[in-house]
Amino acid sequence: MLELLLAIGVAGLATLASRMLPFLALRRFQGHPLLRFLGEQLPAAIMTILVLFALRRLRPLGPELTLNMTAEGVPLLLAALVVAGLHLWRGNVLLSIAAGTALYMALVQNLPA
């Protein structure tokens, strides 16, 4: 039990250190234009990469340019539309992501393969 608690403690400290180290190391460059640019642009770039990664297997059109309504394509497409629609309507990131994830998981679990 002691080994488990020590392992959890070390993992927690390592996580905390890895989160704090960049802020401590870059504190003297706080007003640098490059850091300001990265702070402004990286969130949108990372979100774009995450969306593209999530939709990487989505093939909306089949081989003969017909709609691809497979068990994999429908949940991805519907969840993506719900996330986009909710975000445009409510502007709440947490609501959009939670609803899209819940819909995707419900569809994946309940649609026949």
C-alpha atoms as a PDB file:
ATOM      1  CA  MET A   1       0.000   0.000   0.000  1.00  0.00           C
ATOM      2  CA  LEU A   2       2.873   2.357   0.824  1.00  0.00           C
ATOM      3  CA  GLU A   3       4.459   1.708  -2.581  1.00  0.00           C
ATOM      4  CA  LEU A   4       1.189   2.587  -4.298  1.00  0.00           C
ATOM      5  CA  LEU A   5       0.867   5.845  -2.365  1.00  0.00           C
ATOM      6  CA  LEU A   6       4.485   6.734  -3.144  1.00  0.00           C
ATOM      7  CA  ALA A   7       3.944   6.003  -6.837  1.00  0.00           C
ATOM      8  CA  ILE A   8       0.834   8.205  -6.881  1.00  0.00           C
ATOM      9  CA  GLY A   9       2.709  10.955  -5.052  1.00  0.00           C
ATOM     10  CA  VAL A  10       5.671  10.829  -7.450  1.00  0.00           C
ATOM     11  CA  ALA A  11       3.342  10.833 -10.454  1.00  0.00           C
ATOM     12  CA  GLY A  12       1.464  13.811  -9.026  1.00  0.00           C
ATOM     13  CA  LEU A  13       4.657  15.762  -8.371  1.00  0.00           C
ATOM     14  CA  ALA A  14       5.995  14.953 -11.841  1.00  0.00           C
ATOM     15  CA  THR A  15       2.734  16.153 -13.400  1.00  0.00           C
ATOM     16  CA  LEU A  16       2.770  19.340 -11.333  1.00  0.00           C
ATOM     17  CA  ALA A  17       6.409  20.000 -12.185  1.00  0.00           C
ATOM     18  CA  SER A  18       5.819  19.478 -15.902  1.00  0.00           C
ATOM     19  CA  ARG A  19       2.946  21.990 -15.788  1.00  0.00           C
ATOM     20  CA  MET A  20       4.877  24.623 -13.789  1.00  0.00           C
ATOM     21  CA  LEU A  21       8.310  24.359 -15.412  1.00  0.00           C
ATOM     22  CA  PRO A  22       7.480  26.190 -18.678  1.00  0.00           C
ATOM     23  CA  PHE A  23       5.956  29.109 -16.769  1.00  0.00           C
ATOM     24  CA  LEU A  24       8.933  29.353 -14.419  1.00  0.00           C
ATOM     25  CA  ALA A  25      11.513  28.973 -17.183  1.00  0.00           C
ATOM     26  CA  LEU A  26       9.878  31.489 -19.541  1.00  0.00           C
ATOM     27  CA  ARG A  27       8.870  34.088 -16.938  1.00  0.00           C
ATOM     28  CA  ARG A  28      11.593  36.539 -17.992  1.00  0.00           C
ATOM     29  CA  PHE A  29      10.366  36.388 -21.620  1.00  0.00           C
ATOM     30  CA  GLN A  30       6.785  37.191 -20.647  1.00  0.00           C
ATOM     31  CA  GLY A  31       6.394  40.184 -22.975  1.00  0.00           C
ATOM     32  CA  HIS A  32       8.269  38.666 -25.918  1.00  0.00           C
ATOM     33  CA  PRO A  33       6.351  39.010 -29.211  1.00  0.00           C
ATOM     34  CA  LEU A  34       6.894  35.360 -30.151  1.00  0.00           C
ATOM     35  CA  LEU A  35       5.379  34.090 -26.904  1.00  0.00           C
ATOM     36  CA  ARG A  36       2.478  36.512 -27.255  1.00  0.00           C
ATOM     37  CA  PHE A  37       1.898  35.303 -30.835  1.00  0.00           C
ATOM     38  CA  LEU A  38       2.018  31.645 -29.776  1.00  0.00           C
ATOM     39  CA  GLY A  39      -0.381  32.340 -26.909  1.00  0.00           C
ATOM     40  CA  GLU A  40      -2.857  33.893 -29.322  1.00  0.00           C
ATOM     41  CA  GLN A  41      -2.569  31.387 -32.182  1.00  0.00           C
ATOM     42  CA  LEU A  42      -1.882  27.992 -30.613  1.00  0.00           C
ATOM     43  CA  PRO A  43      -5.310  27.367 -29.031  1.00  0.00           C
ATOM     44  CA  ALA A  44      -7.099  27.652 -32.381  1.00  0.00           C
ATOM     45  CA  ALA A  45      -4.395  25.634 -34.155  1.00  0.00           C
ATOM     46  CA  ILE A  46      -4.550  22.839 -31.577  1.00  0.00           C
ATOM     47  CA  MET A  47      -8.352  22.715 -31.733  1.00  0.00           C
ATOM     48  CA  THR A  48      -8.182  22.505 -35.538  1.00  0.00           C
ATOM     49  CA  ILE A  49      -5.732  19.603 -35.323  1.00  0.00           C
ATOM     50  CA  LEU A  50      -7.965  17.828 -32.788  1.00  0.00           C
ATOM     51  CA  VAL A  51     -11.054  18.238 -35.005  1.00  0.00           C
ATOM     52  CA  LEU A  52      -9.191  16.962 -38.069  1.00  0.00           C
ATOM     53  CA  PHE A  53      -7.861  14.023 -36.065  1.00  0.00           C
ATOM     54  CA  ALA A  54     -11.341  13.174 -34.775  1.00  0.00           C
ATOM     55  CA  LEU A  55     -12.824  13.279 -38.277  1.00  0.00           C
ATOM     56  CA  ARG A  56      -9.900  11.598 -40.055  1.00  0.00           C
ATOM     57  CA  ARG A  57     -11.895   8.453 -40.893  1.00  0.00           C
ATOM     58  CA  LEU A  58     -15.030  10.269 -42.001  1.00  0.00           C
ATOM     59  CA  ARG A  59     -15.719   9.568 -45.654  1.00  0.00           C
ATOM     60  CA  PRO A  60     -19.009  11.335 -46.421  1.00  0.00           C
ATOM     61  CA  LEU A  61     -19.000  10.165 -50.023  1.00  0.00           C
ATOM     62  CA  GLY A  62     -18.633   6.562 -51.118  1.00  0.00           C
ATOM     63  CA  PRO A  63     -16.790   5.265 -54.190  1.00  0.00           C
ATOM     64  CA  GLU A  64     -19.563   6.249 -56.607  1.00  0.00           C
ATOM     65  CA  LEU A  65     -20.120   9.662 -54.972  1.00  0.00           C
ATOM     66  CA  THR A  66     -23.071   8.336 -53.010  1.00  0.00           C
ATOM     67  CA  LEU A  67     -23.600   9.151 -49.351  1.00  0.00           C
ATOM     68  CA  ASN A  68     -21.590   6.876 -47.096  1.00  0.00           C
ATOM     69  CA  MET A  69     -24.069   5.904 -44.399  1.00  0.00           C
ATOM     70  CA  THR A  70     -21.921   3.338 -42.614  1.00  0.00           C
ATOM     71  CA  ALA A  71     -22.062   2.570 -38.914  1.00  0.00           C
ATOM     72  CA  GLU A  72     -18.859   4.568 -38.547  1.00  0.00           C
ATOM     73  CA  GLY A  73     -19.753   7.532 -40.748  1.00  0.00           C
ATOM     74  CA  VAL A  74     -23.195   8.354 -39.357  1.00  0.00           C
ATOM     75  CA  PRO A  75     -22.161   8.811 -35.702  1.00  0.00           C
ATOM     76  CA  LEU A  76     -19.144  10.946 -36.647  1.00  0.00           C
ATOM     77  CA  LEU A  77     -21.147  13.164 -38.960  1.00  0.00           C
ATOM     78  CA  LEU A  78     -24.107  13.599 -36.613  1.00  0.00           C
ATOM     79  CA  ALA A  79     -21.907  14.300 -33.595  1.00  0.00           C
ATOM     80  CA  ALA A  80     -19.842  16.836 -35.543  1.00  0.00           C
ATOM     81  CA  LEU A  81     -23.003  18.597 -36.721  1.00  0.00           C
ATOM     82  CA  VAL A  82     -24.402  18.686 -33.176  1.00  0.00           C
ATOM     83  CA  VAL A  83     -21.154  20.131 -31.801  1.00  0.00           C
ATOM     84  CA  ALA A  84     -21.006  22.808 -34.513  1.00  0.00           C
ATOM     85  CA  GLY A  85     -24.693  23.653 -34.236  1.00  0.00           C
ATOM     86  CA  LEU A  86     -24.723  23.861 -30.460  1.00  0.00           C
ATOM     87  CA  HIS A  87     -21.588  25.950 -30.427  1.00  0.00           C
ATOM     88  CA  LEU A  88     -22.972  28.391 -32.977  1.00  0.00           C
ATOM     89  CA  TRP A  89     -26.293  28.555 -31.106  1.00  0.00           C
ATOM     90  CA  ARG A  90     -25.141  28.710 -27.468  1.00  0.00           C
ATOM     91  CA  GLY A  91     -21.431  29.566 -27.712  1.00  0.00           C
ATOM     92  CA  ASN A  92     -20.673  27.203 -24.823  1.00  0.00           C
ATOM     93  CA  VAL A  93     -17.668  24.979 -25.518  1.00  0.00           C
ATOM     94  CA  LEU A  94     -18.340  22.610 -22.616  1.00  0.00           C
ATOM     95  CA  LEU A  95     -21.972  22.095 -23.628  1.00  0.00           C
ATOM     96  CA  SER A  96     -21.046  21.534 -27.280  1.00  0.00           C
ATOM     97  CA  ILE A  97     -18.313  19.004 -26.567  1.00  0.00           C
ATOM     98  CA  ALA A  98     -20.299  17.145 -23.894  1.00  0.00           C
ATOM     99  CA  ALA A  99     -23.411  16.870 -26.066  1.00  0.00           C
ATOM    100  CA  GLY A 100     -21.426  15.782 -29.134  1.00  0.00           C
ATOM    101  CA  THR A 101     -19.493  13.188 -27.159  1.00  0.00           C
ATOM    102  CA  ALA A 102     -22.650  11.836 -25.516  1.00  0.00           C
ATOM    103  CA  LEU A 103     -24.436  11.600 -28.870  1.00  0.00           C
ATOM    104  CA  TYR A 104     -21.456   9.909 -30.527  1.00  0.00           C
ATOM    105  CA  MET A 105     -21.102   7.356 -27.742  1.00  0.00           C
ATOM    106  CA  ALA A 106     -24.850   6.638 -27.717  1.00  0.00           C
ATOM    107  CA  LEU A 107     -24.880   6.117 -31.475  1.00  0.00           C
ATOM    108  CA  VAL A 108     -21.757   3.951 -31.517  1.00  0.00           C
ATOM    109  CA  GLN A 109     -23.114   1.759 -28.720  1.00  0.00           C
ATOM    110  CA  ASN A 110     -26.606   1.388 -30.183  1.00  0.00           C
ATOM    111  CA  LEU A 111     -26.257   1.343 -33.982  1.00  0.00           C
ATOM    112  CA  PRO A 112     -25.838  -2.084 -35.560  1.00  0.00           C
ATOM    113  CA  ALA A 113     -22.362  -2.678 -36.993  1.00  0.00           C
END
